[in-house]
Amino acid sequence: MQRSGWSALGTGLAGGLQWRLLICWVLLTLIPTLVASLPILSAFSSMLDYSVHADEWAQHFDALMFRDVAARMGDLAPVHGAIAAGVVLSLLISPLLSGMVVASARAGRSLSFTGLLQGAGAEYWRMFRTTLVSLVVYVPSGFLAMQAMKYASDRSETALLQSDADLAGHVALGVALLCIVLAQCIAESARAQFMVDMGLRSAWRALWRGLLQFLRRPFATLGSYLVISIVGFGLAALIASWRGHTTAVGVGLLVAFLITQLGVVVVGWMRTARLYALAAVAQPAGARRRRTDFAPAL
């Protein structure tokens, strides 16, 4: 007997509320953020600190200024290097964060900070291999998304009416988003398999099981993923709007930083909740996870 989609959704929403895990998420994501942002802040400082409009720009967003600065920063090699380093670090840290979620689910309880770090280390390479194997679904999905956008671009050049071009663009965007969502849903389902099967070691087998889960229970799998994603991105958008209306000057700088970290917490909750929900979809009703070998020591 399988769990209902609503039951899995409830499990996911509750499973994401682990304050130690969310604090680890915030602290670890600060590493690539600092690596990428410090050279960018230095470039901003060199271009804007001595402007007569500096005080005004610090308090209000100026689109013209932002466009000019973005154009100039595009020619700065250190900025490109910092962004590339930040992306690489983010990709390397992502399996660590996923490993914490898997370890917590396998232990059957909220882990301490030490337990989360130990669990993340134990699961890191499995999560890393799963990320690499997931390219099998990401690459075709990305290709289809690009073809859809290319079709919209070609259609806009030959369309007689602007409404036809707009329709083609909207359809292409919808197809591209659908491809990305399906690929991400299958990849997350693959990671969730490690939360259900304690003996699972193969990333390829996990991906295959994730694909089968999606094919066998598409509504429960995709529905849980979409509902949690919509809630998470909705909250993140509200926080981003709040941050945009906060002046980062004086005490406001600290407030703006804390608001940003609140957005990171929401994203971390969303990612954790999705994995818990997808694992609940994969797990038969009434089944219990046994604790891992290292769980009692945590």
C-alpha atoms as a PDB file:
ATOM      1  CA  MET A   1       0.000   0.000   0.000  1.00  0.00           C
ATOM      2  CA  GLN A   2       1.349   3.416  -0.970  1.00  0.00           C
ATOM      3  CA  ARG A   3       1.027   6.727   0.808  1.00  0.00           C
ATOM      4  CA  SER A   4      -1.316   9.337  -0.607  1.00  0.00           C
ATOM      5  CA  GLY A   5       0.069  12.490  -2.156  1.00  0.00           C
ATOM      6  CA  TRP A   6      -1.466  14.595   0.625  1.00  0.00           C
ATOM      7  CA  SER A   7       0.217  12.497   3.302  1.00  0.00           C
ATOM      8  CA  ALA A   8       3.554  12.811   1.506  1.00  0.00           C
ATOM      9  CA  LEU A   9       3.051  16.558   1.189  1.00  0.00           C
ATOM     10  CA  GLY A  10       2.412  16.877   4.916  1.00  0.00           C
ATOM     11  CA  THR A  11       5.520  14.823   5.663  1.00  0.00           C
ATOM     12  CA  GLY A  12       7.574  17.113   3.452  1.00  0.00           C
ATOM     13  CA  LEU A  13       6.243  20.353   4.899  1.00  0.00           C
ATOM     14  CA  ALA A  14       7.023  19.166   8.428  1.00  0.00           C
ATOM     15  CA  GLY A  15      10.318  17.490   7.531  1.00  0.00           C
ATOM     16  CA  GLY A  16      11.801  20.739   6.275  1.00  0.00           C
ATOM     17  CA  LEU A  17      11.417  22.418   9.673  1.00  0.00           C
ATOM     18  CA  GLN A  18      14.778  21.433  11.179  1.00  0.00           C
ATOM     19  CA  TRP A  19      16.483  24.501  12.600  1.00  0.00           C
ATOM     20  CA  ARG A  20      19.963  22.985  12.896  1.00  0.00           C
ATOM     21  CA  LEU A  21      19.892  21.829   9.294  1.00  0.00           C
ATOM     22  CA  LEU A  22      18.692  25.248   8.127  1.00  0.00           C
ATOM     23  CA  ILE A  23      21.468  26.998  10.072  1.00  0.00           C
ATOM     24  CA  CYS A  24      24.017  24.689   8.420  1.00  0.00           C
ATOM     25  CA  TRP A  25      22.429  25.547   5.072  1.00  0.00           C
ATOM     26  CA  VAL A  26      22.857  29.283   5.705  1.00  0.00           C
ATOM     27  CA  LEU A  27      26.458  28.972   6.906  1.00  0.00           C
ATOM     28  CA  LEU A  28      27.589  26.701   4.068  1.00  0.00           C
ATOM     29  CA  THR A  29      25.964  28.784   1.342  1.00  0.00           C
ATOM     30  CA  LEU A  30      27.735  31.858   2.704  1.00  0.00           C
ATOM     31  CA  ILE A  31      31.057  30.404   1.503  1.00  0.00           C
ATOM     32  CA  PRO A  32      30.421  30.615  -2.276  1.00  0.00           C
ATOM     33  CA  THR A  33      28.479  33.839  -1.723  1.00  0.00           C
ATOM     34  CA  LEU A  34      31.485  35.521  -0.109  1.00  0.00           C
ATOM     35  CA  VAL A  35      33.881  34.181  -2.740  1.00  0.00           C
ATOM     36  CA  ALA A  36      31.726  35.588  -5.540  1.00  0.00           C
ATOM     37  CA  SER A  37      30.634  38.827  -3.876  1.00  0.00           C
ATOM     38  CA  LEU A  38      33.854  40.248  -2.406  1.00  0.00           C
ATOM     39  CA  PRO A  39      35.510  41.016  -5.799  1.00  0.00           C
ATOM     40  CA  ILE A  40      32.179  42.362  -7.049  1.00  0.00           C
ATOM     41  CA  LEU A  41      31.867  44.650  -4.014  1.00  0.00           C
ATOM     42  CA  SER A  42      35.425  45.828  -4.597  1.00  0.00           C
ATOM     43  CA  ALA A  43      34.567  46.649  -8.213  1.00  0.00           C
ATOM     44  CA  PHE A  44      31.424  48.494  -7.111  1.00  0.00           C
ATOM     45  CA  SER A  45      33.469  50.464  -4.598  1.00  0.00           C
ATOM     46  CA  SER A  46      36.042  51.563  -7.163  1.00  0.00           C
ATOM     47  CA  MET A  47      33.324  52.762  -9.551  1.00  0.00           C
ATOM     48  CA  LEU A  48      30.796  54.353  -7.196  1.00  0.00           C
ATOM     49  CA  ASP A  49      32.436  55.484  -3.955  1.00  0.00           C
ATOM     50  CA  TYR A  50      33.600  58.836  -5.317  1.00  0.00           C
ATOM     51  CA  SER A  51      30.492  59.668  -7.323  1.00  0.00           C
ATOM     52  CA  VAL A  52      28.500  62.744  -6.291  1.00  0.00           C
ATOM     53  CA  HIS A  53      25.383  60.550  -6.511  1.00  0.00           C
ATOM     54  CA  ALA A  54      26.747  57.808  -4.211  1.00  0.00           C
ATOM     55  CA  ASP A  55      24.486  58.690  -1.263  1.00  0.00           C
ATOM     56  CA  GLU A  56      21.416  58.821  -3.473  1.00  0.00           C
ATOM     57  CA  TRP A  57      22.211  55.475  -5.124  1.00  0.00           C
ATOM     58  CA  ALA A  58      22.787  53.861  -1.719  1.00  0.00           C
ATOM     59  CA  GLN A  59      19.234  54.707  -0.697  1.00  0.00           C
ATOM     60  CA  HIS A  60      17.334  54.243  -3.958  1.00  0.00           C
ATOM     61  CA  PHE A  61      17.750  51.875  -6.886  1.00  0.00           C
ATOM     62  CA  ASP A  62      18.715  53.622 -10.115  1.00  0.00           C
ATOM     63  CA  ALA A  63      18.173  51.576 -13.280  1.00  0.00           C
ATOM     64  CA  LEU A  64      20.422  53.763 -15.451  1.00  0.00           C
ATOM     65  CA  MET A  65      23.293  53.512 -12.967  1.00  0.00           C
ATOM     66  CA  PHE A  66      22.825  49.750 -12.683  1.00  0.00           C
ATOM     67  CA  ARG A  67      22.924  49.332 -16.472  1.00  0.00           C
ATOM     68  CA  ASP A  68      26.132  51.357 -16.791  1.00  0.00           C
ATOM     69  CA  VAL A  69      27.833  49.527 -13.925  1.00  0.00           C
ATOM     70  CA  ALA A  70      26.791  46.122 -15.279  1.00  0.00           C
ATOM     71  CA  ALA A  71      28.228  47.028 -18.681  1.00  0.00           C
ATOM     72  CA  ARG A  72      31.551  48.042 -17.131  1.00  0.00           C
ATOM     73  CA  MET A  73      31.736  45.002 -14.873  1.00  0.00           C
ATOM     74  CA  GLY A  74      31.305  42.747 -17.883  1.00  0.00           C
ATOM     75  CA  ASP A  75      34.839  43.694 -18.922  1.00  0.00           C
ATOM     76  CA  LEU A  76      36.447  42.929 -15.541  1.00  0.00           C
ATOM     77  CA  ALA A  77      38.238  39.561 -15.521  1.00  0.00           C
ATOM     78  CA  PRO A  78      38.393  39.289 -11.686  1.00  0.00           C
ATOM     79  CA  VAL A  79      34.607  39.547 -11.532  1.00  0.00           C
ATOM     80  CA  HIS A  80      34.211  36.732 -14.057  1.00  0.00           C
ATOM     81  CA  GLY A  81      36.689  34.603 -12.114  1.00  0.00           C
ATOM     82  CA  ALA A  82      34.904  35.263  -8.827  1.00  0.00           C
ATOM     83  CA  ILE A  83      31.529  34.312 -10.278  1.00  0.00           C
ATOM     84  CA  ALA A  84      32.980  31.126 -11.798  1.00  0.00           C
ATOM     85  CA  ALA A  85      34.614  30.206  -8.479  1.00  0.00           C
ATOM     86  CA  GLY A  86      31.337  30.826  -6.656  1.00  0.00           C
ATOM     87  CA  VAL A  87      29.446  28.572  -9.060  1.00  0.00           C
ATOM     88  CA  VAL A  88      32.016  25.769  -8.713  1.00  0.00           C
ATOM     89  CA  LEU A  89      31.938  26.008  -4.914  1.00  0.00           C
ATOM     90  CA  SER A  90      28.134  25.948  -4.956  1.00  0.00           C
ATOM     91  CA  LEU A  91      28.172  22.763  -7.039  1.00  0.00           C
ATOM     92  CA  LEU A  92      30.656  21.155  -4.642  1.00  0.00           C
ATOM     93  CA  ILE A  93      28.709  22.180  -1.539  1.00  0.00           C
ATOM     94  CA  SER A  94      25.313  21.104  -2.889  1.00  0.00           C
ATOM     95  CA  PRO A  95      25.942  17.343  -2.332  1.00  0.00           C
ATOM     96  CA  LEU A  96      27.003  18.154   1.229  1.00  0.00           C
ATOM     97  CA  LEU A  97      23.670  19.855   1.889  1.00  0.00           C
ATOM     98  CA  SER A  98      21.749  16.995   0.279  1.00  0.00           C
ATOM     99  CA  GLY A  99      23.763  14.549   2.378  1.00  0.00           C
ATOM    100  CA  MET A 100      22.630  16.294   5.557  1.00  0.00           C
ATOM    101  CA  VAL A 101      18.991  15.845   4.563  1.00  0.00           C
ATOM    102  CA  VAL A 102      19.509  12.181   3.681  1.00  0.00           C
ATOM    103  CA  ALA A 103      21.394  11.513   6.927  1.00  0.00           C
ATOM    104  CA  SER A 104      18.675  13.182   8.983  1.00  0.00           C
ATOM    105  CA  ALA A 105      15.942  11.160   7.277  1.00  0.00           C
ATOM    106  CA  ARG A 106      17.860   7.907   7.682  1.00  0.00           C
ATOM    107  CA  ALA A 107      18.423   8.584  11.377  1.00  0.00           C
ATOM    108  CA  GLY A 108      14.684   9.058  11.812  1.00  0.00           C
ATOM    109  CA  ARG A 109      15.108  12.166  13.964  1.00  0.00           C
ATOM    110  CA  SER A 110      16.614  15.642  13.970  1.00  0.00           C
ATOM    111  CA  LEU A 111      20.385  15.381  14.265  1.00  0.00           C
ATOM    112  CA  SER A 112      22.814  17.540  16.190  1.00  0.00           C
ATOM    113  CA  PHE A 113      25.266  19.768  14.337  1.00  0.00           C
ATOM    114  CA  THR A 114      27.951  17.097  14.735  1.00  0.00           C
ATOM    115  CA  GLY A 115      25.569  14.438  13.488  1.00  0.00           C
ATOM    116  CA  LEU A 116      24.625  16.506  10.452  1.00  0.00           C
ATOM    117  CA  LEU A 117      28.264  17.056   9.509  1.00  0.00           C
ATOM    118  CA  GLN A 118      29.134  13.380  10.007  1.00  0.00           C
ATOM    119  CA  GLY A 119      26.109  12.305   8.022  1.00  0.00           C
ATOM    120  CA  ALA A 120      26.893  14.770   5.243  1.00  0.00           C
ATOM    121  CA  GLY A 121      30.421  13.389   5.015  1.00  0.00           C
ATOM    122  CA  ALA A 122      29.139   9.814   4.890  1.00  0.00           C
ATOM    123  CA  GLU A 123      26.648  10.605   2.132  1.00  0.00           C
ATOM    124  CA  TYR A 124      28.702  13.154   0.185  1.00  0.00           C
ATOM    125  CA  TRP A 125      30.069  10.957  -2.586  1.00  0.00           C
ATOM    126  CA  ARG A 126      26.739   9.240  -3.176  1.00  0.00           C
ATOM    127  CA  MET A 127      25.083  12.631  -3.536  1.00  0.00           C
ATOM    128  CA  PHE A 128      27.934  13.865  -5.744  1.00  0.00           C
ATOM    129  CA  ARG A 129      27.629  10.826  -8.030  1.00  0.00           C
ATOM    130  CA  THR A 130      23.874  11.319  -8.152  1.00  0.00           C
ATOM    131  CA  THR A 131      24.405  14.916  -9.268  1.00  0.00           C
ATOM    132  CA  LEU A 132      26.682  13.737 -12.088  1.00  0.00           C
ATOM    133  CA  VAL A 133      24.332  10.923 -13.108  1.00  0.00           C
ATOM    134  CA  SER A 134      21.426  13.378 -13.151  1.00  0.00           C
ATOM    135  CA  LEU A 135      23.004  14.969 -16.216  1.00  0.00           C
ATOM    136  CA  VAL A 136      21.337  12.107 -18.088  1.00  0.00           C
ATOM    137  CA  VAL A 137      18.000  13.859 -17.556  1.00  0.00           C
ATOM    138  CA  TYR A 138      19.235  17.449 -17.376  1.00  0.00           C
ATOM    139  CA  VAL A 139      21.017  17.449 -20.756  1.00  0.00           C
ATOM    140  CA  PRO A 140      18.057  16.215 -22.864  1.00  0.00           C
ATOM    141  CA  SER A 141      15.702  18.513 -20.959  1.00  0.00           C
ATOM    142  CA  GLY A 142      17.995  21.472 -21.542  1.00  0.00           C
ATOM    143  CA  PHE A 143      18.240  20.576 -25.231  1.00  0.00           C
ATOM    144  CA  LEU A 144      14.448  20.413 -25.591  1.00  0.00           C
ATOM    145  CA  ALA A 145      14.086  23.723 -23.756  1.00  0.00           C
ATOM    146  CA  MET A 146      16.610  25.360 -26.102  1.00  0.00           C
ATOM    147  CA  GLN A 147      14.811  23.955 -29.144  1.00  0.00           C
ATOM    148  CA  ALA A 148      11.517  25.339 -27.865  1.00  0.00           C
ATOM    149  CA  MET A 149      13.006  28.802 -27.418  1.00  0.00           C
ATOM    150  CA  LYS A 150      14.662  28.578 -30.841  1.00  0.00           C
ATOM    151  CA  TYR A 151      11.304  27.696 -32.375  1.00  0.00           C
ATOM    152  CA  ALA A 152       9.732  30.729 -30.699  1.00  0.00           C
ATOM    153  CA  SER A 153      12.517  32.959 -32.021  1.00  0.00           C
ATOM    154  CA  ASP A 154      12.073  31.652 -35.577  1.00  0.00           C
ATOM    155  CA  ARG A 155       8.303  31.932 -35.309  1.00  0.00           C
ATOM    156  CA  SER A 156       8.515  35.556 -34.181  1.00  0.00           C
ATOM    157  CA  GLU A 157      10.498  36.425 -37.315  1.00  0.00           C
ATOM    158  CA  THR A 158       7.950  34.896 -39.687  1.00  0.00           C
ATOM    159  CA  ALA A 159       4.717  35.691 -37.830  1.00  0.00           C
ATOM    160  CA  LEU A 160       2.415  38.171 -39.533  1.00  0.00           C
ATOM    161  CA  LEU A 161       0.796  39.310 -36.290  1.00  0.00           C
ATOM    162  CA  GLN A 162       2.487  40.271 -33.037  1.00  0.00           C
ATOM    163  CA  SER A 163      -0.100  38.214 -31.163  1.00  0.00           C
ATOM    164  CA  ASP A 164       1.071  35.080 -33.017  1.00  0.00           C
ATOM    165  CA  ALA A 165       4.677  35.804 -32.059  1.00  0.00           C
ATOM    166  CA  ASP A 166       3.683  36.407 -28.443  1.00  0.00           C
ATOM    167  CA  LEU A 167       1.711  33.164 -28.346  1.00  0.00           C
ATOM    168  CA  ALA A 168       4.669  31.204 -29.710  1.00  0.00           C
ATOM    169  CA  GLY A 169       6.922  32.800 -27.102  1.00  0.00           C
ATOM    170  CA  HIS A 170       4.554  31.930 -24.252  1.00  0.00           C
ATOM    171  CA  VAL A 171       4.155  28.339 -25.449  1.00  0.00           C
ATOM    172  CA  ALA A 172       7.925  27.940 -25.809  1.00  0.00           C
ATOM    173  CA  LEU A 173       8.505  29.354 -22.341  1.00  0.00           C
ATOM    174  CA  GLY A 174       5.935  26.947 -20.923  1.00  0.00           C
ATOM    175  CA  VAL A 175       7.571  23.986 -22.661  1.00  0.00           C
ATOM    176  CA  ALA A 176      11.021  25.062 -21.442  1.00  0.00           C
ATOM    177  CA  LEU A 177       9.808  25.408 -17.851  1.00  0.00           C
ATOM    178  CA  LEU A 178       8.060  22.038 -18.043  1.00  0.00           C
ATOM    179  CA  CYS A 179      11.264  20.354 -19.250  1.00  0.00           C
ATOM    180  CA  ILE A 180      13.286  21.909 -16.427  1.00  0.00           C
ATOM    181  CA  VAL A 181      10.693  21.024 -13.768  1.00  0.00           C
ATOM    182  CA  LEU A 182      10.424  17.403 -14.937  1.00  0.00           C
ATOM    183  CA  ALA A 183      14.203  16.968 -14.974  1.00  0.00           C
ATOM    184  CA  GLN A 184      14.583  18.502 -11.518  1.00  0.00           C
ATOM    185  CA  CYS A 185      11.703  16.431 -10.147  1.00  0.00           C
ATOM    186  CA  ILE A 186      13.260  13.180 -11.383  1.00  0.00           C
ATOM    187  CA  ALA A 187      16.702  14.159 -10.064  1.00  0.00           C
ATOM    188  CA  GLU A 188      15.275  15.006  -6.641  1.00  0.00           C
ATOM    189  CA  SER A 189      13.323  11.733  -6.647  1.00  0.00           C
ATOM    190  CA  ALA A 190      16.616   9.931  -7.252  1.00  0.00           C
ATOM    191  CA  ARG A 191      18.166  11.587  -4.191  1.00  0.00           C
ATOM    192  CA  ALA A 192      15.091  10.714  -2.156  1.00  0.00           C
ATOM    193  CA  GLN A 193      15.638   7.009  -2.881  1.00  0.00           C
ATOM    194  CA  PHE A 194      18.659   7.065  -0.563  1.00  0.00           C
ATOM    195  CA  MET A 195      16.374   8.258   2.248  1.00  0.00           C
ATOM    196  CA  VAL A 196      14.113   5.222   1.817  1.00  0.00           C
ATOM    197  CA  ASP A 197      16.519   2.359   1.007  1.00  0.00           C
ATOM    198  CA  MET A 198      19.340   2.094   3.531  1.00  0.00           C
ATOM    199  CA  GLY A 199      21.232  -0.404   1.395  1.00  0.00           C
ATOM    200  CA  LEU A 200      21.175   1.651  -1.796  1.00  0.00           C
ATOM    201  CA  ARG A 201      24.649   2.622  -3.020  1.00  0.00           C
ATOM    202  CA  SER A 202      24.388   3.022  -6.799  1.00  0.00           C
ATOM    203  CA  ALA A 203      23.554   6.466  -8.181  1.00  0.00           C
ATOM    204  CA  TRP A 204      22.421   4.883 -11.448  1.00  0.00           C
ATOM    205  CA  ARG A 205      19.980   2.627  -9.617  1.00  0.00           C
ATOM    206  CA  ALA A 206      18.726   5.602  -7.612  1.00  0.00           C
ATOM    207  CA  LEU A 207      18.084   7.554 -10.823  1.00  0.00           C
ATOM    208  CA  TRP A 208      16.281   4.589 -12.347  1.00  0.00           C
ATOM    209  CA  ARG A 209      14.083   4.250  -9.274  1.00  0.00           C
ATOM    210  CA  GLY A 210      13.411   7.971  -9.303  1.00  0.00           C
ATOM    211  CA  LEU A 211      12.296   7.739 -12.937  1.00  0.00           C
ATOM    212  CA  LEU A 212      10.073   4.734 -12.177  1.00  0.00           C
ATOM    213  CA  GLN A 213       8.547   6.582  -9.230  1.00  0.00           C
ATOM    214  CA  PHE A 214       7.667   9.482 -11.503  1.00  0.00           C
ATOM    215  CA  LEU A 215       6.169   7.168 -14.145  1.00  0.00           C
ATOM    216  CA  ARG A 216       4.178   5.084 -11.659  1.00  0.00           C
ATOM    217  CA  ARG A 217       2.948   7.936  -9.456  1.00  0.00           C
ATOM    218  CA  PRO A 218       3.222  11.073 -11.600  1.00  0.00           C
ATOM    219  CA  PHE A 219       0.547  13.087  -9.812  1.00  0.00           C
ATOM    220  CA  ALA A 220       1.794  12.425  -6.277  1.00  0.00           C
ATOM    221  CA  THR A 221       5.439  12.933  -7.278  1.00  0.00           C
ATOM    222  CA  LEU A 222       5.031  16.028  -9.422  1.00  0.00           C
ATOM    223  CA  GLY A 223       2.247  17.436  -7.245  1.00  0.00           C
ATOM    224  CA  SER A 224       4.325  17.287  -4.057  1.00  0.00           C
ATOM    225  CA  TYR A 225       7.282  18.820  -5.855  1.00  0.00           C
ATOM    226  CA  LEU A 226       5.235  21.639  -7.386  1.00  0.00           C
ATOM    227  CA  VAL A 227       3.217  22.569  -4.289  1.00  0.00           C
ATOM    228  CA  ILE A 228       6.304  22.854  -2.089  1.00  0.00           C
ATOM    229  CA  SER A 229       8.210  24.698  -4.829  1.00  0.00           C
ATOM    230  CA  ILE A 230       5.382  27.194  -5.341  1.00  0.00           C
ATOM    231  CA  VAL A 231       5.152  27.864  -1.604  1.00  0.00           C
ATOM    232  CA  GLY A 232       8.926  28.203  -1.310  1.00  0.00           C
ATOM    233  CA  PHE A 233       9.420  30.459  -4.310  1.00  0.00           C
ATOM    234  CA  GLY A 234       6.390  32.522  -3.311  1.00  0.00           C
ATOM    235  CA  LEU A 235       7.842  33.179   0.136  1.00  0.00           C
ATOM    236  CA  ALA A 236      11.264  33.850  -1.393  1.00  0.00           C
ATOM    237  CA  ALA A 237       9.710  36.402  -3.772  1.00  0.00           C
ATOM    238  CA  LEU A 238       8.023  38.204  -0.873  1.00  0.00           C
ATOM    239  CA  ILE A 239      11.300  38.293   1.037  1.00  0.00           C
ATOM    240  CA  ALA A 240      13.127  39.559  -2.057  1.00  0.00           C
ATOM    241  CA  SER A 241      10.569  42.362  -2.370  1.00  0.00           C
ATOM    242  CA  TRP A 242      11.045  43.187   1.310  1.00  0.00           C
ATOM    243  CA  ARG A 243      14.792  43.267   0.786  1.00  0.00           C
ATOM    244  CA  GLY A 244      14.388  45.515  -2.235  1.00  0.00           C
ATOM    245  CA  HIS A 245      12.508  48.069  -0.135  1.00  0.00           C
ATOM    246  CA  THR A 246      15.109  48.026   2.649  1.00  0.00           C
ATOM    247  CA  THR A 247      17.809  50.704   2.507  1.00  0.00           C
ATOM    248  CA  ALA A 248      21.175  49.063   3.184  1.00  0.00           C
ATOM    249  CA  VAL A 249      22.737  52.028   4.980  1.00  0.00           C
ATOM    250  CA  GLY A 250      23.856  52.043   8.617  1.00  0.00           C
ATOM    251  CA  VAL A 251      21.707  49.698  10.689  1.00  0.00           C
ATOM    252  CA  GLY A 252      19.762  48.991   7.510  1.00  0.00           C
ATOM    253  CA  LEU A 253      22.810  47.119   6.194  1.00  0.00           C
ATOM    254  CA  LEU A 254      22.498  44.547   8.986  1.00  0.00           C
ATOM    255  CA  VAL A 255      18.735  44.357   8.498  1.00  0.00           C
ATOM    256  CA  ALA A 256      19.193  43.813   4.756  1.00  0.00           C
ATOM    257  CA  PHE A 257      21.717  41.039   5.425  1.00  0.00           C
ATOM    258  CA  LEU A 258      19.359  39.291   7.851  1.00  0.00           C
ATOM    259  CA  ILE A 259      16.477  39.559   5.387  1.00  0.00           C
ATOM    260  CA  THR A 260      18.659  37.969   2.709  1.00  0.00           C
ATOM    261  CA  GLN A 261      19.556  35.101   5.037  1.00  0.00           C
ATOM    262  CA  LEU A 262      15.874  34.616   5.783  1.00  0.00           C
ATOM    263  CA  GLY A 263      15.413  34.063   2.057  1.00  0.00           C
ATOM    264  CA  VAL A 264      18.210  31.480   2.148  1.00  0.00           C
ATOM    265  CA  VAL A 265      16.425  29.722   5.026  1.00  0.00           C
ATOM    266  CA  VAL A 266      13.238  29.547   2.948  1.00  0.00           C
ATOM    267  CA  VAL A 267      15.128  28.034   0.001  1.00  0.00           C
ATOM    268  CA  GLY A 268      16.781  25.522   2.340  1.00  0.00           C
ATOM    269  CA  TRP A 269      13.405  24.589   3.815  1.00  0.00           C
ATOM    270  CA  MET A 270      11.965  24.177   0.320  1.00  0.00           C
ATOM    271  CA  ARG A 271      14.774  21.869  -0.795  1.00  0.00           C
ATOM    272  CA  THR A 272      14.572  19.774   2.387  1.00  0.00           C
ATOM    273  CA  ALA A 273      10.774  19.575   2.281  1.00  0.00           C
ATOM    274  CA  ARG A 274      10.809  18.431  -1.342  1.00  0.00           C
ATOM    275  CA  LEU A 275      13.201  15.580  -0.574  1.00  0.00           C
ATOM    276  CA  TYR A 276      11.148  14.466   2.428  1.00  0.00           C
ATOM    277  CA  ALA A 277       7.935  14.582   0.399  1.00  0.00           C
ATOM    278  CA  LEU A 278       9.401  12.623  -2.514  1.00  0.00           C
ATOM    279  CA  ALA A 279      10.828  10.057  -0.108  1.00  0.00           C
ATOM    280  CA  ALA A 280       7.385   9.707   1.478  1.00  0.00           C
ATOM    281  CA  VAL A 281       5.873   9.082  -1.965  1.00  0.00           C
ATOM    282  CA  ALA A 282       8.418   6.327  -2.584  1.00  0.00           C
ATOM    283  CA  GLN A 283       7.986   4.709   0.843  1.00  0.00           C
ATOM    284  CA  PRO A 284       5.126   2.227   1.390  1.00  0.00           C
ATOM    285  CA  ALA A 285       2.569   3.258   4.007  1.00  0.00           C
ATOM    286  CA  GLY A 286       3.321   1.878   7.444  1.00  0.00           C
ATOM    287  CA  ALA A 287       6.971   1.215   6.628  1.00  0.00           C
ATOM    288  CA  ARG A 288       9.572   2.429   9.075  1.00  0.00           C
ATOM    289  CA  ARG A 289      13.071   3.518   8.337  1.00  0.00           C
ATOM    290  CA  ARG A 290      15.617   1.765  10.466  1.00  0.00           C
ATOM    291  CA  ARG A 291      18.387   3.963  11.771  1.00  0.00           C
ATOM    292  CA  THR A 292      21.708   3.973  10.035  1.00  0.00           C
ATOM    293  CA  ASP A 293      24.807   2.413  11.520  1.00  0.00           C
ATOM    294  CA  PHE A 294      26.146   5.807  12.610  1.00  0.00           C
ATOM    295  CA  ALA A 295      22.833   7.166  13.900  1.00  0.00           C
ATOM    296  CA  PRO A 296      23.191   5.931  17.505  1.00  0.00           C
ATOM    297  CA  ALA A 297      26.575   7.630  17.749  1.00  0.00           C
ATOM    298  CA  LEU A 298      25.113  10.982  16.748  1.00  0.00           C
END
